[in-house]
Protein backbone atom coordinates (compact mmCIF):
# COMPACT_ATOMS: atom_id res chain seq x y z
CA MET A 1 186.69 0.04 -203.82
CA HIS A 2 187.94 3.14 -205.62
CA ARG A 3 190.84 5.08 -204.22
CA LEU A 4 190.35 8.43 -202.57
CA LEU A 5 191.86 11.42 -204.31
CA LEU A 6 194.23 13.42 -202.13
CA VAL A 7 195.48 16.93 -202.89
CA PRO A 8 196.04 20.18 -200.98
CA LEU A 9 193.02 22.25 -202.02
CA VAL A 10 190.67 24.72 -200.38
CA LEU A 11 187.04 25.53 -199.97
CA GLY A 12 186.52 29.25 -200.24
CA VAL A 13 183.08 29.27 -198.65
CA GLY A 14 181.40 30.21 -195.38
CA SER A 15 181.30 27.67 -192.58
CA ALA A 16 179.42 26.65 -189.47
CA LEU A 17 181.54 25.54 -186.49
CA LEU A 18 180.55 22.19 -185.04
CA GLY A 19 182.01 20.43 -182.00
CA ALA A 20 184.34 21.83 -179.38
CA GLU A 21 185.51 25.43 -179.46
CA THR A 22 189.18 26.38 -179.73
CA SER A 23 190.98 29.55 -178.78
CA ALA A 24 193.45 29.29 -181.66
CA VAL A 25 192.59 30.66 -185.10
CA ALA A 26 192.94 27.86 -187.63
CA PRO A 27 194.90 28.69 -190.79
CA GLU A 28 192.85 28.90 -193.94
CA PRO A 29 193.44 26.21 -196.57
CA PRO A 30 195.13 27.16 -199.85
CA PRO A 31 192.96 28.08 -202.87
CA LEU A 32 190.80 25.43 -204.49
CA ASN A 33 192.31 24.00 -207.65
CA ARG A 34 189.78 24.02 -210.51
CA GLU A 35 190.50 23.15 -214.13
CA PHE A 36 188.64 21.17 -216.76
CA ARG A 37 190.71 18.15 -217.80
CA GLY A 38 188.65 16.30 -220.37
CA VAL A 39 189.39 13.52 -222.83
CA TRP A 40 187.38 12.43 -225.87
CA VAL A 41 186.36 8.78 -226.24
CA ALA A 42 185.22 8.09 -229.82
CA SER A 43 183.04 5.15 -230.84
CA VAL A 44 182.66 5.83 -234.58
CA VAL A 45 184.53 3.18 -236.61
CA ASN A 46 185.77 1.90 -233.24
CA ILE A 47 188.41 4.61 -232.92
CA ASN A 48 188.58 4.28 -229.13
CA TRP A 49 185.75 2.24 -227.62
CA PRO A 50 184.81 -0.50 -228.16
CA SER A 51 188.13 -1.37 -229.78
CA LYS A 52 186.30 -3.69 -232.17
CA ALA A 53 182.67 -4.18 -233.11
CA GLY A 54 180.95 -7.26 -231.75
CA LEU A 55 183.27 -7.96 -228.84
CA PRO A 56 181.89 -10.08 -225.98
CA VAL A 57 180.03 -7.93 -223.46
CA ALA A 58 182.53 -8.71 -220.69
CA GLN A 59 185.36 -7.40 -222.88
CA GLN A 60 183.39 -4.27 -223.82
CA GLN A 61 182.83 -3.57 -220.14
CA ALA A 62 186.45 -4.23 -219.22
CA GLU A 63 187.64 -1.83 -221.93
CA LEU A 64 185.24 0.86 -220.75
CA ARG A 65 186.35 0.48 -217.14
CA GLY A 66 189.96 0.60 -218.27
CA ILE A 67 189.46 3.88 -220.14
CA LEU A 68 187.78 5.51 -217.15
CA GLN A 69 190.38 4.19 -214.71
CA ARG A 70 193.22 5.45 -216.92
CA ALA A 71 191.63 8.91 -217.04
CA HIS A 72 191.32 8.88 -213.26
CA ASP A 73 194.88 7.67 -212.73
CA LEU A 74 196.25 10.48 -214.92
CA ARG A 75 194.15 12.99 -212.92
CA PHE A 76 191.71 13.91 -215.65
CA ASN A 77 188.31 14.88 -214.29
CA ALA A 78 185.96 14.50 -217.27
CA VAL A 79 185.34 12.05 -220.09
CA LEU A 80 183.36 12.92 -223.23
CA ILE A 81 182.01 9.64 -224.60
CA GLN A 82 180.49 9.40 -228.07
CA VAL A 83 177.10 7.74 -227.61
CA ARG A 84 175.52 8.63 -230.99
CA PRO A 85 178.04 8.47 -233.83
CA ALA A 86 175.61 8.23 -236.78
CA CYS A 87 171.90 8.27 -235.91
CA ASP A 88 172.45 5.18 -233.76
CA ALA A 89 172.86 4.59 -230.05
CA LEU A 90 175.33 3.04 -227.63
CA TYR A 91 172.51 2.78 -225.10
CA PRO A 92 168.97 1.32 -225.26
CA SER A 93 166.79 3.74 -227.25
CA SER A 94 163.27 3.66 -228.62
CA LEU A 95 164.21 6.43 -231.08
CA GLU A 96 167.28 5.04 -232.85
CA PRO A 97 168.85 1.60 -233.34
CA TRP A 98 171.69 0.01 -231.43
CA SER A 99 175.02 1.04 -232.94
CA GLU A 100 176.83 -1.32 -235.27
CA TYR A 101 180.07 -0.20 -233.64
CA LEU A 102 178.93 -1.89 -230.44
CA THR A 103 177.45 -5.19 -231.60
CA GLY A 104 178.70 -5.51 -235.19
CA ARG A 105 175.26 -5.17 -236.75
CA MET A 106 173.06 -2.09 -236.63
CA GLY A 107 169.92 -2.67 -234.59
CA LYS A 108 171.25 -5.75 -232.83
CA ALA A 109 171.13 -5.49 -229.03
CA PRO A 110 174.10 -6.70 -226.99
CA GLU A 111 173.87 -10.19 -225.53
CA PRO A 112 173.54 -10.34 -222.62
CA LEU A 113 171.68 -7.04 -222.63
CA TRP A 114 173.40 -4.16 -220.86
CA ASP A 115 173.37 -0.37 -220.92
CA PRO A 116 176.82 1.06 -221.73
CA LEU A 117 175.85 4.65 -220.96
CA LYS A 118 174.35 3.77 -217.58
CA MET A 119 177.53 1.92 -216.67
CA ALA A 120 179.74 4.75 -217.95
CA VAL A 121 177.89 7.34 -215.84
CA SER A 122 178.00 5.20 -212.70
CA GLU A 123 181.66 4.20 -213.04
CA ALA A 124 182.78 7.71 -213.97
CA HIS A 125 181.07 9.31 -210.99
CA ALA A 126 182.48 6.68 -208.62
CA LEU A 127 185.96 7.66 -209.86
CA GLY A 128 185.36 11.39 -209.47
CA LEU A 129 184.94 12.00 -213.23
CA GLU A 130 182.29 14.06 -214.96
CA LEU A 131 180.52 12.24 -217.81
CA HIS A 132 179.55 14.25 -220.89
CA ALA A 133 177.46 12.41 -223.50
CA TRP A 134 178.83 13.23 -226.98
CA PHE A 135 176.40 13.33 -229.92
CA ASN A 136 177.04 13.75 -233.62
CA PRO A 137 173.95 15.78 -234.54
CA PHE A 138 173.49 15.44 -238.33
CA ARG A 139 175.65 12.60 -239.62
CA ALA A 140 173.32 9.75 -240.61
CA ARG A 141 175.86 7.10 -241.65
CA PHE A 142 179.62 7.00 -241.71
CA ARG A 143 181.05 5.78 -245.01
CA SER A 144 179.55 2.45 -245.99
CA GLY A 145 179.06 1.16 -242.45
CA LEU A 146 179.66 -2.40 -241.31
CA GLY A 147 176.54 -3.78 -242.93
CA PRO A 148 173.05 -2.79 -244.08
CA ALA A 149 171.06 -0.19 -242.21
CA SER A 150 168.49 -1.62 -239.84
CA PRO A 151 164.76 -1.08 -240.55
CA ASP A 152 164.50 1.41 -237.68
CA HIS A 153 167.37 3.62 -238.92
CA ILE A 154 166.29 7.04 -240.13
CA SER A 155 167.75 6.44 -243.60
CA VAL A 156 165.17 3.65 -243.99
CA ARG A 157 162.27 5.14 -242.02
CA LYS A 158 162.56 8.73 -243.31
CA PRO A 159 164.72 8.64 -246.46
CA GLN A 160 163.43 12.06 -247.52
CA PHE A 161 165.48 13.62 -244.69
CA VAL A 162 168.74 11.87 -245.60
CA HIS A 163 171.18 12.84 -248.37
CA GLN A 164 174.25 11.18 -249.82
CA MET A 165 177.28 13.44 -249.63
CA GLY A 166 180.36 11.69 -250.92
CA LEU A 167 180.91 8.56 -248.84
CA HIS A 168 178.58 9.60 -246.02
CA LEU A 169 174.87 9.99 -245.39
CA TRP A 170 173.69 13.24 -243.81
CA LEU A 171 170.55 14.58 -242.24
CA ASP A 172 169.35 17.89 -243.64
CA PRO A 173 169.48 20.63 -240.96
CA GLY A 174 167.09 22.64 -243.14
CA GLU A 175 164.25 20.26 -242.26
CA SER A 176 162.51 21.32 -239.07
CA ASP A 177 161.46 17.68 -238.51
CA VAL A 178 165.13 16.68 -238.59
CA ARG A 179 166.12 19.29 -236.01
CA GLU A 180 163.23 18.18 -233.83
CA HIS A 181 164.19 14.52 -234.12
CA VAL A 182 167.81 15.17 -233.12
CA SER A 183 166.67 17.27 -230.18
CA HIS A 184 164.29 14.51 -229.03
CA VAL A 185 167.12 11.97 -229.16
CA ILE A 186 169.38 14.16 -227.02
CA LEU A 187 166.66 15.16 -224.55
CA ASP A 188 165.74 11.50 -224.12
CA VAL A 189 169.27 10.92 -222.81
CA VAL A 190 169.14 14.03 -220.62
CA ARG A 191 165.94 12.78 -218.99
CA ARG A 192 167.02 9.17 -218.46
CA TYR A 193 170.66 9.49 -217.45
CA ASP A 194 172.53 11.38 -214.75
CA ILE A 195 174.97 12.93 -217.22
CA ASP A 196 176.90 16.08 -216.43
CA GLY A 197 176.91 17.47 -219.94
CA VAL A 198 175.65 17.26 -223.51
CA HIS A 199 178.48 17.61 -225.99
CA LEU A 200 178.30 18.14 -229.76
CA ASP A 201 181.17 17.87 -232.22
CA ASP A 202 181.77 20.01 -235.30
CA TYR A 203 179.64 18.12 -237.84
CA PHE A 204 176.69 20.32 -238.78
CA TYR A 205 176.77 20.65 -242.54
CA PRO A 206 179.43 18.26 -243.84
CA TYR A 207 183.10 18.92 -244.37
CA PRO A 208 184.09 19.00 -248.05
CA GLU A 209 185.54 15.71 -249.26
CA PRO A 210 189.06 15.86 -250.74
CA GLY A 211 188.99 16.36 -254.49
CA SER A 212 185.21 16.67 -254.57
CA GLN A 213 183.18 19.66 -255.77
CA LEU A 214 179.93 18.31 -254.35
CA THR A 215 177.54 20.74 -252.71
CA PHE A 216 175.04 19.74 -250.08
CA PRO A 217 171.85 18.50 -251.86
CA ASP A 218 169.25 20.40 -249.86
CA ASP A 219 167.16 21.72 -252.77
CA ARG A 220 163.96 20.32 -251.25
CA SER A 221 164.18 22.22 -247.96
CA TRP A 222 165.69 25.32 -249.60
CA ASN A 223 162.89 25.58 -252.15
CA ARG A 224 160.29 25.18 -249.41
CA TYR A 225 161.93 28.01 -247.48
CA GLN A 226 161.84 30.27 -250.52
CA ARG A 227 158.19 29.45 -251.25
CA SER A 228 157.34 30.41 -247.67
CA GLY A 229 158.67 33.92 -248.32
CA GLY A 230 162.15 33.47 -246.85
CA ARG A 231 164.54 36.27 -247.78
CA LEU A 232 167.90 34.99 -246.54
CA SER A 233 170.61 33.94 -248.95
CA ARG A 234 171.19 30.20 -249.12
CA ASP A 235 174.37 30.44 -247.05
CA ASP A 236 172.73 32.61 -244.40
CA TRP A 237 169.72 30.28 -244.35
CA ARG A 238 171.98 27.30 -243.67
CA ARG A 239 173.66 29.15 -240.80
CA TYR A 240 170.23 30.12 -239.51
CA ASN A 241 169.22 26.44 -239.47
CA VAL A 242 172.22 25.54 -237.33
CA ASP A 243 171.81 28.59 -235.09
CA THR A 244 168.16 27.74 -234.51
CA PHE A 245 169.05 24.17 -233.58
CA VAL A 246 171.84 25.19 -231.19
CA GLN A 247 169.82 27.87 -229.40
CA SER A 248 166.70 25.71 -229.09
CA LEU A 249 168.60 22.62 -227.91
CA GLY A 250 170.43 24.51 -225.18
CA ARG A 251 167.20 26.04 -223.92
CA SER A 252 165.45 22.64 -223.91
CA ILE A 253 168.32 20.94 -222.04
CA HIS A 254 168.19 23.54 -219.28
CA GLN A 255 164.41 23.37 -219.07
CA GLU A 256 164.72 19.62 -218.52
CA LYS A 257 167.69 19.71 -216.13
CA PRO A 258 169.10 23.19 -215.44
CA TRP A 259 172.47 21.89 -214.22
CA VAL A 260 173.40 19.86 -217.33
CA ARG A 261 176.14 21.70 -219.24
CA PHE A 262 175.72 22.23 -222.98
CA GLY A 263 178.95 22.39 -224.94
CA ILE A 264 180.18 22.24 -228.53
CA SER A 265 183.63 21.59 -229.97
CA PRO A 266 183.77 23.52 -233.27
CA PHE A 267 186.55 23.69 -235.83
CA GLY A 268 189.27 25.83 -234.28
CA ILE A 269 189.19 28.60 -236.90
CA TRP A 270 185.94 30.56 -236.96
CA ARG A 271 186.96 32.50 -240.08
CA PRO A 272 190.39 33.07 -241.63
CA GLY A 273 191.78 36.44 -240.59
CA ASN A 274 190.45 36.07 -237.05
CA PRO A 275 192.98 36.93 -235.70
CA ALA A 276 194.75 38.63 -238.58
CA SER A 277 197.57 36.10 -239.10
CA ILE A 278 195.28 33.05 -239.29
CA LYS A 279 194.67 31.13 -242.51
CA GLY A 280 192.76 27.90 -243.12
CA MET A 281 189.30 26.54 -243.74
CA ASP A 282 186.40 28.93 -243.26
CA ALA A 283 184.05 26.97 -241.00
CA TYR A 284 181.55 29.85 -241.08
CA GLN A 285 181.30 29.53 -244.86
CA VAL A 286 181.91 25.79 -245.38
CA LEU A 287 180.23 24.15 -242.37
CA TYR A 288 177.75 27.01 -241.86
CA ALA A 289 178.81 27.05 -238.22
CA ASP A 290 178.76 30.52 -236.67
CA SER A 291 180.47 29.25 -233.55
CA ARG A 292 181.53 32.71 -232.41
CA LYS A 293 177.87 33.70 -232.26
CA TRP A 294 176.99 30.72 -230.06
CA ILE A 295 179.44 31.67 -227.32
CA ARG A 296 178.89 35.41 -227.66
CA GLU A 297 175.14 34.98 -227.23
CA GLY A 298 175.63 32.73 -224.21
CA TRP A 299 173.81 29.81 -225.87
CA LEU A 300 176.59 27.44 -224.76
CA ASP A 301 177.81 26.75 -221.27
CA TYR A 302 181.21 25.90 -222.71
CA ILE A 303 182.94 25.85 -226.04
CA ALA A 304 185.98 23.68 -226.79
CA PRO A 305 187.40 24.85 -230.14
CA GLN A 306 189.63 22.26 -231.79
CA LEU A 307 192.99 24.03 -231.66
CA TYR A 308 194.86 21.12 -233.15
CA TRP A 309 197.90 23.04 -234.42
CA PRO A 310 201.36 23.51 -232.88
CA ILE A 311 202.43 26.57 -230.93
CA GLN A 312 204.95 27.58 -233.58
CA SER A 313 202.55 27.37 -236.54
CA ARG A 314 202.31 30.93 -237.85
CA GLU A 315 199.13 30.59 -239.91
CA GLN A 316 197.32 28.37 -237.38
CA SER A 317 198.99 29.58 -234.20
CA PHE A 318 197.73 27.79 -231.08
CA PRO A 319 198.36 30.76 -228.72
CA SER A 320 196.91 33.32 -231.14
CA LEU A 321 193.74 31.31 -231.66
CA LEU A 322 193.45 30.59 -227.94
CA ARG A 323 193.64 34.30 -227.14
CA TRP A 324 191.10 35.12 -229.86
CA TRP A 325 188.58 32.59 -228.54
CA ALA A 326 189.04 33.80 -224.98
CA ASP A 327 188.13 37.30 -226.16
CA GLN A 328 184.84 36.18 -227.75
CA ASN A 329 183.09 35.47 -224.48
CA PRO A 330 181.15 38.46 -223.05
CA ALA A 331 178.84 36.10 -221.10
CA ARG A 332 181.95 34.74 -219.30
CA HIS A 333 180.96 31.15 -219.87
CA ARG A 334 183.67 28.48 -220.10
CA ILE A 335 186.40 28.15 -222.73
CA PHE A 336 188.30 24.86 -223.02
CA ALA A 337 191.12 24.31 -225.50
CA GLY A 338 190.76 21.22 -227.68
CA MET A 339 194.19 19.65 -228.26
CA ASP A 340 195.34 16.93 -230.65
CA ALA A 341 197.69 14.42 -229.05
CA THR A 342 197.30 11.84 -231.83
CA ARG A 343 200.13 13.47 -233.81
CA ILE A 344 202.68 12.68 -231.10
CA GLY A 345 205.39 10.71 -232.84
CA GLN A 346 204.56 12.29 -236.21
CA ASP A 347 205.13 16.04 -236.38
CA ARG A 348 205.23 16.80 -232.63
CA ASN A 349 206.25 15.34 -229.29
CA ALA A 350 204.49 15.03 -225.96
CA GLY A 351 206.20 18.17 -224.71
CA GLU A 352 204.06 20.18 -227.15
CA ILE A 353 200.91 19.16 -225.26
CA LEU A 354 202.45 20.13 -221.93
CA ALA A 355 203.50 23.50 -223.34
CA GLN A 356 199.96 24.09 -224.62
CA ILE A 357 198.49 23.22 -221.22
CA GLY A 358 200.89 25.76 -219.73
CA LEU A 359 199.59 28.42 -222.13
CA THR A 360 195.97 27.75 -221.19
CA ARG A 361 196.83 28.31 -217.53
CA LYS A 362 198.39 31.67 -218.29
CA MET A 363 195.51 32.82 -220.50
CA ALA A 364 192.78 34.71 -218.67
CA GLY A 365 189.35 33.36 -219.57
CA VAL A 366 190.52 29.83 -220.43
CA ASP A 367 189.32 27.18 -218.00
CA GLY A 368 190.92 23.92 -219.11
CA ILE A 369 191.52 21.47 -221.93
CA VAL A 370 189.98 18.54 -223.81
CA LEU A 371 192.41 16.02 -225.28
CA TRP A 372 191.96 14.10 -228.52
CA ASN A 373 191.94 11.20 -227.77
CA CYS A 374 191.99 8.51 -225.05
CA ARG A 375 194.00 6.00 -227.11
CA VAL A 376 197.07 8.20 -226.75
CA LEU A 377 196.70 8.03 -222.98
CA ARG A 378 196.17 4.28 -222.99
CA GLU A 379 199.32 3.80 -225.08
CA ASN A 380 201.25 6.44 -223.10
CA ARG A 381 202.34 7.63 -226.53
CA GLY A 382 205.59 9.54 -226.36
CA GLY A 383 205.45 9.20 -222.59
CA LEU A 384 202.58 11.71 -222.46
CA GLY A 385 200.82 10.06 -219.53
CA ASP A 386 204.00 10.04 -217.46
CA LEU A 387 204.69 13.68 -218.27
CA LEU A 388 201.16 14.72 -217.38
CA THR A 389 201.27 13.19 -213.90
CA ARG A 390 204.81 14.38 -213.18
CA GLN A 391 204.59 17.92 -214.57
CA ALA A 392 201.11 19.10 -215.61
CA PHE A 393 198.55 17.23 -213.49
CA THR A 394 200.63 16.81 -210.35
CA SER A 395 197.49 16.86 -208.19
CA PRO A 396 193.80 16.32 -208.91
CA ALA A 397 191.49 19.24 -209.64
CA LEU A 398 187.77 19.80 -209.59
CA PRO A 399 186.20 20.86 -212.90
CA PRO A 400 185.20 24.54 -213.05
CA SER A 401 181.82 25.50 -211.68
CA PHE A 402 178.89 26.73 -213.76
CA PRO A 403 177.22 29.11 -211.31
CA TRP A 404 174.60 30.32 -213.83
CA LEU A 405 173.26 26.73 -213.85
CA SER A 406 173.04 26.39 -210.07
CA THR A 407 169.47 26.65 -208.82
CA ASN A 408 169.35 25.47 -205.20
CA PRO A 409 172.72 24.94 -203.49
CA PRO A 410 172.42 22.44 -200.62
CA PRO A 411 172.94 23.57 -197.02
CA ALA A 412 175.94 22.57 -194.95
CA PRO A 413 175.76 18.92 -193.89
CA ALA A 414 175.28 17.87 -190.28
CA LEU A 415 178.75 16.71 -189.23
CA SER A 416 179.54 14.27 -186.41
CA VAL A 417 183.05 13.44 -185.25
CA GLY A 418 184.02 10.80 -182.70
CA GLY A 419 187.08 8.78 -181.81
CA ASP A 420 188.45 5.86 -179.85
CA GLU A 421 189.40 6.43 -176.24
CA ASP A 422 193.05 5.69 -176.96
CA GLY A 423 193.15 8.41 -179.63
CA THR A 424 194.11 6.09 -182.50
CA ARG A 425 191.02 6.54 -184.63
CA LEU A 426 188.80 9.39 -185.76
CA GLN A 427 185.38 8.68 -187.26
CA VAL A 428 183.69 11.40 -189.34
CA THR A 429 180.08 10.96 -190.42
CA TRP A 430 177.67 13.36 -192.02
CA LYS A 431 174.08 13.74 -193.07
CA THR A 432 172.82 16.07 -195.75
CA ALA A 433 169.36 17.53 -196.06
CA GLU A 434 166.86 15.22 -197.72
CA ASN A 435 166.67 15.63 -201.52
CA ALA A 436 169.82 17.79 -201.57
CA ALA A 437 171.28 17.69 -205.08
CA ILE A 438 175.00 16.91 -204.60
CA ARG A 439 177.57 15.62 -207.08
CA TRP A 440 180.67 15.43 -204.85
CA TYR A 441 181.85 16.12 -201.34
CA VAL A 442 185.17 17.82 -200.73
CA LEU A 443 186.60 16.71 -197.40
CA ARG A 444 189.42 18.84 -195.93
CA SER A 445 191.53 17.66 -193.03
CA ARG A 446 194.25 19.65 -191.26
CA VAL A 447 197.09 17.56 -189.88
CA SER A 448 200.27 19.06 -188.36
CA GLY A 449 199.49 22.42 -189.94
CA ARG A 450 199.02 21.00 -193.45
CA TRP A 451 195.82 20.50 -195.38
CA GLN A 452 194.76 17.43 -197.33
CA THR A 453 191.69 17.25 -199.53
CA GLU A 454 189.69 14.29 -200.74
CA PHE A 455 187.02 14.25 -203.44
CA LEU A 456 184.29 11.85 -202.37
CA SER A 457 181.26 10.50 -204.19
CA SER A 458 177.88 11.90 -203.15
CA THR A 459 176.98 8.38 -202.00
CA ARG A 460 179.58 8.56 -199.21
CA ASN A 461 178.54 9.56 -195.69
CA ASN A 462 181.59 8.72 -193.59
CA ARG A 463 185.38 8.81 -193.40
CA VAL A 464 187.60 7.04 -190.88
CA PHE A 465 191.09 8.36 -190.06
CA GLU A 466 193.59 5.97 -188.47
CA ARG A 467 196.63 7.22 -186.60
CA MET A 468 199.76 6.10 -188.41
CA PRO A 469 203.43 6.29 -187.27
CA GLY A 470 204.52 9.90 -187.64
CA GLN A 471 201.04 10.93 -188.84
CA PRO A 472 198.76 12.29 -186.10
CA LEU A 473 195.01 12.52 -186.46
CA PRO A 474 193.39 15.66 -187.96
CA VAL A 475 192.70 18.61 -185.68
CA GLU A 476 190.23 20.21 -188.10
CA ILE A 477 187.70 18.85 -190.58
CA ARG A 478 185.86 20.83 -193.27
CA LEU A 479 183.21 19.17 -195.43
CA VAL A 480 181.78 21.01 -198.42
CA PRO A 481 179.07 19.69 -200.76
CA ILE A 482 179.51 20.43 -204.47
CA ASP A 483 176.17 20.76 -206.24
CA LEU A 484 175.27 19.39 -209.66
CA ALA A 485 176.50 22.56 -211.37
CA GLY A 486 179.87 22.27 -209.63
CA VAL A 487 179.15 25.12 -207.19
CA GLU A 488 180.47 24.90 -203.63
CA SER A 489 177.94 25.11 -200.83
CA GLU A 490 178.40 26.09 -197.19
CA ALA A 491 181.00 24.06 -195.33
CA ALA A 492 180.49 22.13 -192.12
CA VAL A 493 183.53 22.49 -189.84
CA TRP A 494 184.77 20.61 -186.80
CA VAL A 495 187.81 21.78 -184.82
CA ARG A 496 189.46 19.74 -182.08
CA ALA A 497 189.60 21.38 -178.66
CA HIS A 498 193.11 22.04 -177.35
CA ARG A 499 192.19 21.71 -173.68
CA ARG A 500 190.66 18.26 -173.65
CA PRO A 501 191.27 14.97 -175.46
CA LEU A 502 189.44 13.92 -178.54
CA PRO A 503 186.00 12.47 -177.77
């Protein structure tokens, strides 16, 4: 059984009083603590999970559970797991082959057969974690791979859509059939799994390879565009291809399941000179990623720019870039700061990450962080995990809400409270309206003038309080459902009567 999460939080919502009346006015709980605390879990070349291709299924499952448990123990509230590293799948798919990073050979199913994504979703939600499925949209094969491509891989089935670019194979975003295929793959996951978010990384057109002057070989799609009467320059056309994909995918995700968040983690510099002191790669020009446009237009529910530089770096200043990104958000969607903890022990220490977290909390318009990557947490590199729990994540937090994705908040649950005649036990049970779409419950209990809060799975329908030495039973209970978009619904409230004993 998973542990309950306890923290003094609040539910700033309306309430309906159930049970006995009281003449005293109960103190309001303190404000609800909300902050996105995400961590990336990479599968490509076995960076994080599985730790090695072809491991026994039991070991794969144990590693996955360990990653999720570690995130929970350090009070993270979201994991972003890479389920499609290179036109392959870490889940059963009729559209793309099983990943070689799972079984050791592309197209080979695990034995015994299991569904890693289904398990990840279930285990994450039981631990109070959001699960965001991370897709690499246009990379077809990473380096040489672990072996030959399987017959059902797109490089074999549709070689006309795949190009060699240095050591990697890439899909051509200029092909409408390619964009449609990638969208179908992602929407298949949205339909079949109870994920909280779809997450894309920064690989659209490829990064330049060191020492190489190669340009992306998309003459076929470019010439077709020109013959059709297209008037954009080649660079603008490439950006248009990516823009079209991003806008269309977000719309399709929300048509399928309105509450599923759509987020992208782009390179942290949109263009050099933005802000003025910033220098570095021009992702707008090199990757053809107009990431500022995506958040300005409201196409994304969140953006997590990779701000992987130190605070003191003048030309890639973390605080300057953070402020700039926060200012590019007229739709007031969510901004999360991507942070690189893998350099702890090289050119920075764990205190740098804590200082960056502190800056995000002071910056209006920034709603949390995503940490690269989970291996650092597992290793407690530089004591980062210890520092997080002692100084930064001293209590759990709910992820931020996405109210523009909330369609039908559930009503307040029907709350029943009873106890033993000797006053040593309090039983709280509840029932929510049939078909109510709930992700979590937040259960507040007031004991001796202090509030405690527990985050409970939507599968829970009861809570038993036992009187302990020096710890009386609660005199007030507040239960609030959190819908699938993270929005708080109306609270059900029970208050103990002062003039008669507990029932």
